Amino acid sequence: MPQKPLTNKGKRSLPKLSAANRHGKVVKHKKGGLVVKPKRDVAKHRLENQKEITKLINKKNEAAAASKAEQSGGQLGVVKAPKEPAKDEKKAVKARQT
């Protein structure tokens, strides 16, 4: 006995909606992916090595950008953000202020 033609009876895709009007509104940020630290030793070492390589590459790129800016007559220095004081130091600062 022949079967009835197979039809897609499941979910049907909805037509795409046009982009929302965002004039004067805040952009909605998407959450980033969840980062899970590796458990195996080999994977841990690989992650540490990758982080070190990334740090070196970023440092080199920043130095190259700073040198290009200086060559063209401007001044650009690579500045690190100040470290936040520890909790004990914050308490000591508050105690001094009162």
PDB file of N, CA and C in Angstrom:
ATOM      1  N   MET A   1       0.848  -1.172   0.000  1.00  0.00           N
ATOM      2  CA  MET A   1       0.000   0.000   0.000  1.00  0.00           C
ATOM      3  C   MET A   1       0.899   1.242   0.000  1.00  0.00           C
ATOM      4  N   PRO A   2       0.700   2.170  -0.904  1.00  0.00           N
ATOM      5  CA  PRO A   2       1.572   3.340  -0.966  1.00  0.00           C
ATOM      6  C   PRO A   2       1.342   4.280   0.215  1.00  0.00           C
ATOM      7  N   GLN A   3       2.449   4.897   0.629  1.00  0.00           N
ATOM      8  CA  GLN A   3       2.342   5.821   1.761  1.00  0.00           C
ATOM      9  C   GLN A   3       1.878   7.188   1.290  1.00  0.00           C
ATOM     10  N   LYS A   4       1.286   7.882   2.217  1.00  0.00           N
ATOM     11  CA  LYS A   4       0.888   9.264   1.937  1.00  0.00           C
ATOM     12  C   LYS A   4       2.166  10.087   1.738  1.00  0.00           C
ATOM     13  N   PRO A   5       2.184  11.057   0.859  1.00  0.00           N
ATOM     14  CA  PRO A   5       3.414  11.851   0.667  1.00  0.00           C
ATOM     15  C   PRO A   5       3.872  12.474   1.991  1.00  0.00           C
ATOM     16  N   LEU A   6       5.172  12.384   2.240  1.00  0.00           N
ATOM     17  CA  LEU A   6       5.712  12.911   3.490  1.00  0.00           C
ATOM     18  C   LEU A   6       5.639  14.432   3.459  1.00  0.00           C
ATOM     19  N   THR A   7       4.996  14.977   4.451  1.00  0.00           N
ATOM     20  CA  THR A   7       4.876  16.429   4.537  1.00  0.00           C
ATOM     21  C   THR A   7       5.523  16.904   5.817  1.00  0.00           C
ATOM     22  N   ASN A   8       5.916  18.136   5.829  1.00  0.00           N
ATOM     23  CA  ASN A   8       6.537  18.722   7.011  1.00  0.00           C
ATOM     24  C   ASN A   8       5.425  19.228   7.921  1.00  0.00           C
ATOM     25  N   LYS A   9       5.075  18.420   8.908  1.00  0.00           N
ATOM     26  CA  LYS A   9       4.003  18.802   9.818  1.00  0.00           C
ATOM     27  C   LYS A   9       4.550  19.413  11.103  1.00  0.00           C
ATOM     28  N   GLY A  10       5.866  19.522  11.194  1.00  0.00           N
ATOM     29  CA  GLY A  10       6.488  20.059  12.405  1.00  0.00           C
ATOM     30  C   GLY A  10       6.438  21.577  12.425  1.00  0.00           C
ATOM     31  N   LYS A  11       7.474  22.169  12.998  1.00  0.00           N
ATOM     32  CA  LYS A  11       7.546  23.630  13.091  1.00  0.00           C
ATOM     33  C   LYS A  11       7.667  24.230  11.699  1.00  0.00           C
ATOM     34  N   ARG A  12       6.994  25.321  11.526  1.00  0.00           N
ATOM     35  CA  ARG A  12       7.138  26.045  10.272  1.00  0.00           C
ATOM     36  C   ARG A  12       7.895  27.322  10.577  1.00  0.00           C
ATOM     37  N   SER A  13       8.864  27.645   9.753  1.00  0.00           N
ATOM     38  CA  SER A  13       9.678  28.831  10.011  1.00  0.00           C
ATOM     39  C   SER A  13       8.851  30.087   9.751  1.00  0.00           C
ATOM     40  N   LEU A  14       8.977  31.036  10.675  1.00  0.00           N
ATOM     41  CA  LEU A  14       8.265  32.297  10.540  1.00  0.00           C
ATOM     42  C   LEU A  14       9.032  33.208   9.593  1.00  0.00           C
ATOM     43  N   PRO A  15       8.337  34.080   8.898  1.00  0.00           N
ATOM     44  CA  PRO A  15       9.062  35.007   8.021  1.00  0.00           C
ATOM     45  C   PRO A  15       9.903  35.964   8.855  1.00  0.00           C
ATOM     46  N   LYS A  16      11.024  36.414   8.288  1.00  0.00           N
ATOM     47  CA  LYS A  16      11.926  37.309   9.013  1.00  0.00           C
ATOM     48  C   LYS A  16      11.256  38.655   9.226  1.00  0.00           C
ATOM     49  N   LEU A  17      11.386  39.165  10.452  1.00  0.00           N
ATOM     50  CA  LEU A  17      10.856  40.481  10.755  1.00  0.00           C
ATOM     51  C   LEU A  17      11.894  41.531  10.388  1.00  0.00           C
ATOM     52  N   SER A  18      11.422  42.714  10.049  1.00  0.00           N
ATOM     53  CA  SER A  18      12.363  43.778   9.727  1.00  0.00           C
ATOM     54  C   SER A  18      13.041  44.247  11.005  1.00  0.00           C
ATOM     55  N   ALA A  19      14.210  44.850  10.875  1.00  0.00           N
ATOM     56  CA  ALA A  19      14.984  45.301  12.027  1.00  0.00           C
ATOM     57  C   ALA A  19      14.206  46.360  12.795  1.00  0.00           C
ATOM     58  N   ALA A  20      14.334  46.319  14.120  1.00  0.00           N
ATOM     59  CA  ALA A  20      13.631  47.267  14.969  1.00  0.00           C
ATOM     60  C   ALA A  20      14.230  48.663  14.821  1.00  0.00           C
ATOM     61  N   ASN A  21      13.409  49.658  15.016  1.00  0.00           N
ATOM     62  CA  ASN A  21      13.865  51.046  14.980  1.00  0.00           C
ATOM     63  C   ASN A  21      14.537  51.342  16.308  1.00  0.00           C
ATOM     64  N   ARG A  22      15.837  51.686  16.287  1.00  0.00           N
ATOM     65  CA  ARG A  22      16.578  51.880  17.532  1.00  0.00           C
ATOM     66  C   ARG A  22      16.958  53.332  17.750  1.00  0.00           C
ATOM     67  N   HIS A  23      16.321  54.251  17.085  1.00  0.00           N
ATOM     68  CA  HIS A  23      16.707  55.659  17.226  1.00  0.00           C
ATOM     69  C   HIS A  23      16.545  56.114  18.669  1.00  0.00           C
ATOM     70  N   GLY A  24      17.665  56.553  19.272  1.00  0.00           N
ATOM     71  CA  GLY A  24      17.621  57.084  20.633  1.00  0.00           C
ATOM     72  C   GLY A  24      17.508  56.034  21.712  1.00  0.00           C
ATOM     73  N   LYS A  25      17.633  54.780  21.372  1.00  0.00           N
ATOM     74  CA  LYS A  25      17.501  53.714  22.365  1.00  0.00           C
ATOM     75  C   LYS A  25      18.853  53.052  22.604  1.00  0.00           C
ATOM     76  N   VAL A  26      18.962  52.352  23.728  1.00  0.00           N
ATOM     77  CA  VAL A  26      20.201  51.674  24.088  1.00  0.00           C
ATOM     78  C   VAL A  26      20.293  50.358  23.329  1.00  0.00           C
ATOM     79  N   VAL A  27      21.482  50.027  22.870  1.00  0.00           N
ATOM     80  CA  VAL A  27      21.702  48.772  22.159  1.00  0.00           C
ATOM     81  C   VAL A  27      21.662  47.629  23.160  1.00  0.00           C
ATOM     82  N   LYS A  28      20.953  46.567  22.826  1.00  0.00           N
ATOM     83  CA  LYS A  28      20.877  45.404  23.707  1.00  0.00           C
ATOM     84  C   LYS A  28      22.128  44.559  23.501  1.00  0.00           C
ATOM     85  N   HIS A  29      22.844  44.295  24.584  1.00  0.00           N
ATOM     86  CA  HIS A  29      24.067  43.508  24.492  1.00  0.00           C
ATOM     87  C   HIS A  29      23.752  42.037  24.694  1.00  0.00           C
ATOM     88  N   LYS A  30      24.424  41.210  23.927  1.00  0.00           N
ATOM     89  CA  LYS A  30      24.254  39.771  24.084  1.00  0.00           C
ATOM     90  C   LYS A  30      25.281  39.260  25.074  1.00  0.00           C
ATOM     91  N   LYS A  31      24.904  38.254  25.826  1.00  0.00           N
ATOM     92  CA  LYS A  31      25.839  37.662  26.779  1.00  0.00           C
ATOM     93  C   LYS A  31      26.894  36.872  26.016  1.00  0.00           C
ATOM     94  N   GLY A  32      28.091  36.855  26.565  1.00  0.00           N
ATOM     95  CA  GLY A  32      29.168  36.103  25.933  1.00  0.00           C
ATOM     96  C   GLY A  32      29.045  34.618  26.234  1.00  0.00           C
ATOM     97  N   GLY A  33      29.878  33.845  25.608  1.00  0.00           N
ATOM     98  CA  GLY A  33      29.865  32.411  25.836  1.00  0.00           C
ATOM     99  C   GLY A  33      30.437  32.061  27.196  1.00  0.00           C
ATOM    100  N   LEU A  34      30.004  30.967  27.751  1.00  0.00           N
ATOM    101  CA  LEU A  34      30.472  30.509  29.047  1.00  0.00           C
ATOM    102  C   LEU A  34      31.857  29.887  28.877  1.00  0.00           C
ATOM    103  N   VAL A  35      32.814  30.368  29.656  1.00  0.00           N
ATOM    104  CA  VAL A  35      34.176  29.858  29.566  1.00  0.00           C
ATOM    105  C   VAL A  35      34.395  28.872  30.706  1.00  0.00           C
ATOM    106  N   VAL A  36      34.715  27.648  30.366  1.00  0.00           N
ATOM    107  CA  VAL A  36      34.962  26.612  31.362  1.00  0.00           C
ATOM    108  C   VAL A  36      36.442  26.268  31.317  1.00  0.00           C
ATOM    109  N   LYS A  37      37.091  26.322  32.476  1.00  0.00           N
ATOM    110  CA  LYS A  37      38.517  26.002  32.523  1.00  0.00           C
ATOM    111  C   LYS A  37      38.714  24.512  32.262  1.00  0.00           C
ATOM    112  N   PRO A  38      39.780  24.168  31.549  1.00  0.00           N
ATOM    113  CA  PRO A  38      40.028  22.753  31.278  1.00  0.00           C
ATOM    114  C   PRO A  38      40.447  22.013  32.542  1.00  0.00           C
ATOM    115  N   LYS A  39      40.142  20.731  32.582  1.00  0.00           N
ATOM    116  CA  LYS A  39      40.454  19.920  33.762  1.00  0.00           C
ATOM    117  C   LYS A  39      41.729  19.101  33.577  1.00  0.00           C
ATOM    118  N   ARG A  40      41.982  18.660  32.366  1.00  0.00           N
ATOM    119  CA  ARG A  40      43.161  17.823  32.138  1.00  0.00           C
ATOM    120  C   ARG A  40      44.426  18.665  32.137  1.00  0.00           C
ATOM    121  N   ASP A  41      45.518  18.062  32.576  1.00  0.00           N
ATOM    122  CA  ASP A  41      46.791  18.781  32.674  1.00  0.00           C
ATOM    123  C   ASP A  41      47.283  19.264  31.315  1.00  0.00           C
ATOM    124  N   VAL A  42      47.147  18.421  30.309  1.00  0.00           N
ATOM    125  CA  VAL A  42      47.618  18.792  28.974  1.00  0.00           C
ATOM    126  C   VAL A  42      46.845  20.011  28.479  1.00  0.00           C
ATOM    127  N   ALA A  43      45.542  19.992  28.690  1.00  0.00           N
ATOM    128  CA  ALA A  43      44.712  21.110  28.246  1.00  0.00           C
ATOM    129  C   ALA A  43      45.016  22.368  29.048  1.00  0.00           C
ATOM    130  N   LYS A  44      45.336  22.203  30.337  1.00  0.00           N
ATOM    131  CA  LYS A  44      45.685  23.358  31.181  1.00  0.00           C
ATOM    132  C   LYS A  44      46.952  24.028  30.658  1.00  0.00           C
ATOM    133  N   HIS A  45      47.965  23.220  30.351  1.00  0.00           N
ATOM    134  CA  HIS A  45      49.225  23.764  29.835  1.00  0.00           C
ATOM    135  C   HIS A  45      49.010  24.451  28.486  1.00  0.00           C
ATOM    136  N   ARG A  46      48.178  23.836  27.655  1.00  0.00           N
ATOM    137  CA  ARG A  46      47.890  24.412  26.350  1.00  0.00           C
ATOM    138  C   ARG A  46      47.214  25.783  26.510  1.00  0.00           C
ATOM    139  N   LEU A  47      46.277  25.875  27.462  1.00  0.00           N
ATOM    140  CA  LEU A  47      45.579  27.140  27.702  1.00  0.00           C
ATOM    141  C   LEU A  47      46.536  28.205  28.226  1.00  0.00           C
ATOM    142  N   GLU A  48      47.418  27.818  29.156  1.00  0.00           N
ATOM    143  CA  GLU A  48      48.398  28.766  29.698  1.00  0.00           C
ATOM    144  C   GLU A  48      49.325  29.279  28.591  1.00  0.00           C
ATOM    145  N   ASN A  49      49.791  28.353  27.751  1.00  0.00           N
ATOM    146  CA  ASN A  49      50.670  28.743  26.639  1.00  0.00           C
ATOM    147  C   ASN A  49      49.956  29.696  25.681  1.00  0.00           C
ATOM    148  N   GLN A  50      48.692  29.403  25.403  1.00  0.00           N
ATOM    149  CA  GLN A  50      47.921  30.248  24.493  1.00  0.00           C
ATOM    150  C   GLN A  50      47.735  31.646  25.073  1.00  0.00           C
ATOM    151  N   LYS A  51      47.506  31.725  26.394  1.00  0.00           N
ATOM    152  CA  LYS A  51      47.358  33.033  27.045  1.00  0.00           C
ATOM    153  C   LYS A  51      48.654  33.829  26.963  1.00  0.00           C
ATOM    154  N   GLU A  52      49.787  33.157  27.187  1.00  0.00           N
ATOM    155  CA  GLU A  52      51.081  33.838  27.111  1.00  0.00           C
ATOM    156  C   GLU A  52      51.340  34.365  25.699  1.00  0.00           C
ATOM    157  N   ILE A  53      51.033  33.532  24.704  1.00  0.00           N
ATOM    158  CA  ILE A  53      51.222  33.948  23.315  1.00  0.00           C
ATOM    159  C   ILE A  53      50.351  35.163  23.008  1.00  0.00           C
ATOM    160  N   THR A  54      49.105  35.131  23.470  1.00  0.00           N
ATOM    161  CA  THR A  54      48.187  36.248  23.241  1.00  0.00           C
ATOM    162  C   THR A  54      48.709  37.522  23.878  1.00  0.00           C
ATOM    163  N   LYS A  55      49.239  37.409  25.113  1.00  0.00           N
ATOM    164  CA  LYS A  55      49.790  38.580  25.803  1.00  0.00           C
ATOM    165  C   LYS A  55      50.950  39.174  25.009  1.00  0.00           C
ATOM    166  N   LEU A  56      51.852  38.309  24.540  1.00  0.00           N
ATOM    167  CA  LEU A  56      53.011  38.786  23.788  1.00  0.00           C
ATOM    168  C   LEU A  56      52.595  39.468  22.482  1.00  0.00           C
ATOM    169  N   ILE A  57      51.641  38.868  21.791  1.00  0.00           N
ATOM    170  CA  ILE A  57      51.179  39.440  20.524  1.00  0.00           C
ATOM    171  C   ILE A  57      50.528  40.798  20.764  1.00  0.00           C
ATOM    172  N   ASN A  58      49.690  40.894  21.804  1.00  0.00           N
ATOM    173  CA  ASN A  58      49.032  42.168  22.107  1.00  0.00           C
ATOM    174  C   ASN A  58      50.054  43.242  22.458  1.00  0.00           C
ATOM    175  N   LYS A  59      51.063  42.853  23.244  1.00  0.00           N
ATOM    176  CA  LYS A  59      52.095  43.808  23.645  1.00  0.00           C
ATOM    177  C   LYS A  59      52.849  44.317  22.415  1.00  0.00           C
ATOM    178  N   LYS A  60      53.177  43.401  21.508  1.00  0.00           N
ATOM    179  CA  LYS A  60      53.903  43.775  20.293  1.00  0.00           C
ATOM    180  C   LYS A  60      53.056  44.697  19.416  1.00  0.00           C
ATOM    181  N   ASN A  61      51.761  44.374  19.271  1.00  0.00           N
ATOM    182  CA  ASN A  61      50.869  45.208  18.461  1.00  0.00           C
ATOM    183  C   ASN A  61      50.731  46.612  19.045  1.00  0.00           C
ATOM    184  N   GLU A  62      50.616  46.701  20.375  1.00  0.00           N
ATOM    185  CA  GLU A  62      50.486  48.007  21.022  1.00  0.00           C
ATOM    186  C   GLU A  62      51.760  48.829  20.835  1.00  0.00           C
ATOM    187  N   ALA A  63      52.904  48.178  20.964  1.00  0.00           N
ATOM    188  CA  ALA A  63      54.175  48.885  20.778  1.00  0.00           C
ATOM    189  C   ALA A  63      54.311  49.370  19.336  1.00  0.00           C
ATOM    190  N   ALA A  64      53.893  48.550  18.385  1.00  0.00           N
ATOM    191  CA  ALA A  64      53.970  48.941  16.973  1.00  0.00           C
ATOM    192  C   ALA A  64      53.055  50.133  16.697  1.00  0.00           C
ATOM    193  N   ALA A  65      51.856  50.123  17.272  1.00  0.00           N
ATOM    194  CA  ALA A  65      50.923  51.240  17.072  1.00  0.00           C
ATOM    195  C   ALA A  65      51.471  52.513  17.697  1.00  0.00           C
ATOM    196  N   ALA A  66      52.082  52.389  18.877  1.00  0.00           N
ATOM    197  CA  ALA A  66      52.653  53.560  19.550  1.00  0.00           C
ATOM    198  C   ALA A  66      53.814  54.134  18.738  1.00  0.00           C
ATOM    199  N   SER A  67      54.659  53.262  18.186  1.00  0.00           N
ATOM    200  CA  SER A  67      55.808  53.756  17.412  1.00  0.00           C
ATOM    201  C   SER A  67      55.351  54.430  16.122  1.00  0.00           C
ATOM    202  N   LYS A  68      54.292  53.910  15.478  1.00  0.00           N
ATOM    203  CA  LYS A  68      53.769  54.541  14.266  1.00  0.00           C
ATOM    204  C   LYS A  68      53.211  55.923  14.579  1.00  0.00           C
ATOM    205  N   ALA A  69      52.533  56.038  15.720  1.00  0.00           N
ATOM    206  CA  ALA A  69      51.958  57.332  16.095  1.00  0.00           C
ATOM    207  C   ALA A  69      53.060  58.346  16.367  1.00  0.00           C
ATOM    208  N   GLU A  70      54.141  57.907  16.993  1.00  0.00           N
ATOM    209  CA  GLU A  70      55.250  58.816  17.290  1.00  0.00           C
ATOM    210  C   GLU A  70      55.975  59.237  16.014  1.00  0.00           C
ATOM    211  N   GLN A  71      56.081  58.335  15.055  1.00  0.00           N
ATOM    212  CA  GLN A  71      56.755  58.659  13.797  1.00  0.00           C
ATOM    213  C   GLN A  71      56.003  59.732  13.027  1.00  0.00           C
ATOM    214  N   SER A  72      54.674  59.711  13.125  1.00  0.00           N
ATOM    215  CA  SER A  72      53.881  60.688  12.375  1.00  0.00           C
ATOM    216  C   SER A  72      53.742  62.008  13.120  1.00  0.00           C
ATOM    217  N   GLY A  73      54.483  62.177  14.203  1.00  0.00           N
ATOM    218  CA  GLY A  73      54.508  63.460  14.892  1.00  0.00           C
ATOM    219  C   GLY A  73      53.708  63.505  16.178  1.00  0.00           C
ATOM    220  N   GLY A  74      52.894  62.538  16.424  1.00  0.00           N
ATOM    221  CA  GLY A  74      52.088  62.536  17.644  1.00  0.00           C
ATOM    222  C   GLY A  74      52.788  61.792  18.756  1.00  0.00           C
ATOM    223  N   GLN A  75      52.110  61.703  19.867  1.00  0.00           N
ATOM    224  CA  GLN A  75      52.647  60.936  20.984  1.00  0.00           C
ATOM    225  C   GLN A  75      51.575  59.971  21.453  1.00  0.00           C
ATOM    226  N   LEU A  76      51.943  58.740  21.571  1.00  0.00           N
ATOM    227  CA  LEU A  76      51.019  57.734  22.057  1.00  0.00           C
ATOM    228  C   LEU A  76      51.788  56.824  22.985  1.00  0.00           C
ATOM    229  N   GLY A  77      51.320  56.703  24.188  1.00  0.00           N
ATOM    230  CA  GLY A  77      51.964  55.822  25.154  1.00  0.00           C
ATOM    231  C   GLY A  77      51.015  54.722  25.564  1.00  0.00           C
ATOM    232  N   VAL A  78      51.535  53.549  25.788  1.00  0.00           N
ATOM    233  CA  VAL A  78      50.720  52.439  26.247  1.00  0.00           C
ATOM    234  C   VAL A  78      50.597  52.567  27.758  1.00  0.00           C
ATOM    235  N   VAL A  79      49.372  52.748  28.223  1.00  0.00           N
ATOM    236  CA  VAL A  79      49.132  52.971  29.645  1.00  0.00           C
ATOM    237  C   VAL A  79      48.259  51.849  30.173  1.00  0.00           C
ATOM    238  N   LYS A  80      48.677  51.269  31.276  1.00  0.00           N
ATOM    239  CA  LYS A  80      47.870  50.235  31.902  1.00  0.00           C
ATOM    240  C   LYS A  80      46.922  50.884  32.898  1.00  0.00           C
ATOM    241  N   ALA A  81      45.762  50.280  33.083  1.00  0.00           N
ATOM    242  CA  ALA A  81      44.793  50.793  34.049  1.00  0.00           C
ATOM    243  C   ALA A  81      45.350  50.608  35.452  1.00  0.00           C
ATOM    244  N   PRO A  82      45.073  51.548  36.357  1.00  0.00           N
ATOM    245  CA  PRO A  82      45.581  51.397  37.722  1.00  0.00           C
ATOM    246  C   PRO A  82      44.937  50.201  38.403  1.00  0.00           C
ATOM    247  N   LYS A  83      45.720  49.506  39.201  1.00  0.00           N
ATOM    248  CA  LYS A  83      45.200  48.340  39.903  1.00  0.00           C
ATOM    249  C   LYS A  83      44.254  48.789  41.001  1.00  0.00           C
ATOM    250  N   GLU A  84      43.193  48.019  41.187  1.00  0.00           N
ATOM    251  CA  GLU A  84      42.246  48.338  42.254  1.00  0.00           C
ATOM    252  C   GLU A  84      42.856  47.922  43.582  1.00  0.00           C
ATOM    253  N   PRO A  85      42.692  48.750  44.614  1.00  0.00           N
ATOM    254  CA  PRO A  85      43.251  48.377  45.911  1.00  0.00           C
ATOM    255  C   PRO A  85      42.520  47.175  46.496  1.00  0.00           C
ATOM    256  N   ALA A  86      43.227  46.435  47.322  1.00  0.00           N
ATOM    257  CA  ALA A  86      42.637  45.260  47.954  1.00  0.00           C
ATOM    258  C   ALA A  86      41.559  45.698  48.937  1.00  0.00           C
ATOM    259  N   LYS A  87      40.772  44.748  49.429  1.00  0.00           N
ATOM    260  CA  LYS A  87      39.670  45.056  50.341  1.00  0.00           C
ATOM    261  C   LYS A  87      40.174  45.725  51.614  1.00  0.00           C
ATOM    262  N   ASP A  88      41.300  45.231  52.149  1.00  0.00           N
ATOM    263  CA  ASP A  88      41.838  45.807  53.383  1.00  0.00           C
ATOM    264  C   ASP A  88      42.247  47.261  53.162  1.00  0.00           C
ATOM    265  N   GLU A  89      42.837  47.540  52.013  1.00  0.00           N
ATOM    266  CA  GLU A  89      43.258  48.905  51.714  1.00  0.00           C
ATOM    267  C   GLU A  89      42.054  49.824  51.560  1.00  0.00           C
ATOM    268  N   LYS A  90      40.965  49.315  50.966  1.00  0.00           N
ATOM    269  CA  LYS A  90      39.751  50.113  50.813  1.00  0.00           C
ATOM    270  C   LYS A  90      39.190  50.492  52.179  1.00  0.00           C
ATOM    271  N   LYS A  91      39.197  49.525  53.105  1.00  0.00           N
ATOM    272  CA  LYS A  91      38.693  49.796  54.451  1.00  0.00           C
ATOM    273  C   LYS A  91      39.567  50.835  55.142  1.00  0.00           C
ATOM    274  N   ALA A  92      40.878  50.737  54.949  1.00  0.00           N
ATOM    275  CA  ALA A  92      41.797  51.688  55.576  1.00  0.00           C
ATOM    276  C   ALA A  92      41.580  53.091  55.017  1.00  0.00           C
ATOM    277  N   VAL A  93      41.337  53.196  53.719  1.00  0.00           N
ATOM    278  CA  VAL A  93      41.100  54.496  53.099  1.00  0.00           C
ATOM    279  C   VAL A  93      39.809  55.101  53.632  1.00  0.00           C
ATOM    280  N   LYS A  94      38.766  54.282  53.770  1.00  0.00           N
ATOM    281  CA  LYS A  94      37.493  54.773  54.297  1.00  0.00           C
ATOM    282  C   LYS A  94      37.656  55.237  55.740  1.00  0.00           C
ATOM    283  N   ALA A  95      38.445  54.502  56.514  1.00  0.00           N
ATOM    284  CA  ALA A  95      38.656  54.866  57.917  1.00  0.00           C
ATOM    285  C   ALA A  95      39.388  56.200  58.010  1.00  0.00           C
ATOM    286  N   ARG A  96      40.328  56.449  57.104  1.00  0.00           N
ATOM    287  CA  ARG A  96      41.069  57.712  57.105  1.00  0.00           C
ATOM    288  C   ARG A  96      40.166  58.883  56.730  1.00  0.00           C
ATOM    289  N   GLN A  97      39.212  58.631  55.844  1.00  0.00           N
ATOM    290  CA  GLN A  97      38.336  59.702  55.384  1.00  0.00           C
ATOM    291  C   GLN A  97      37.341  60.134  56.453  1.00  0.00           C
ATOM    292  N   THR A  98      36.951  59.239  57.344  1.00  0.00           N
ATOM    293  CA  THR A  98      35.960  59.594  58.370  1.00  0.00           C
ATOM    294  C   THR A  98      36.597  60.176  59.597  1.00  0.00           C
TER     295      THR A  98
END
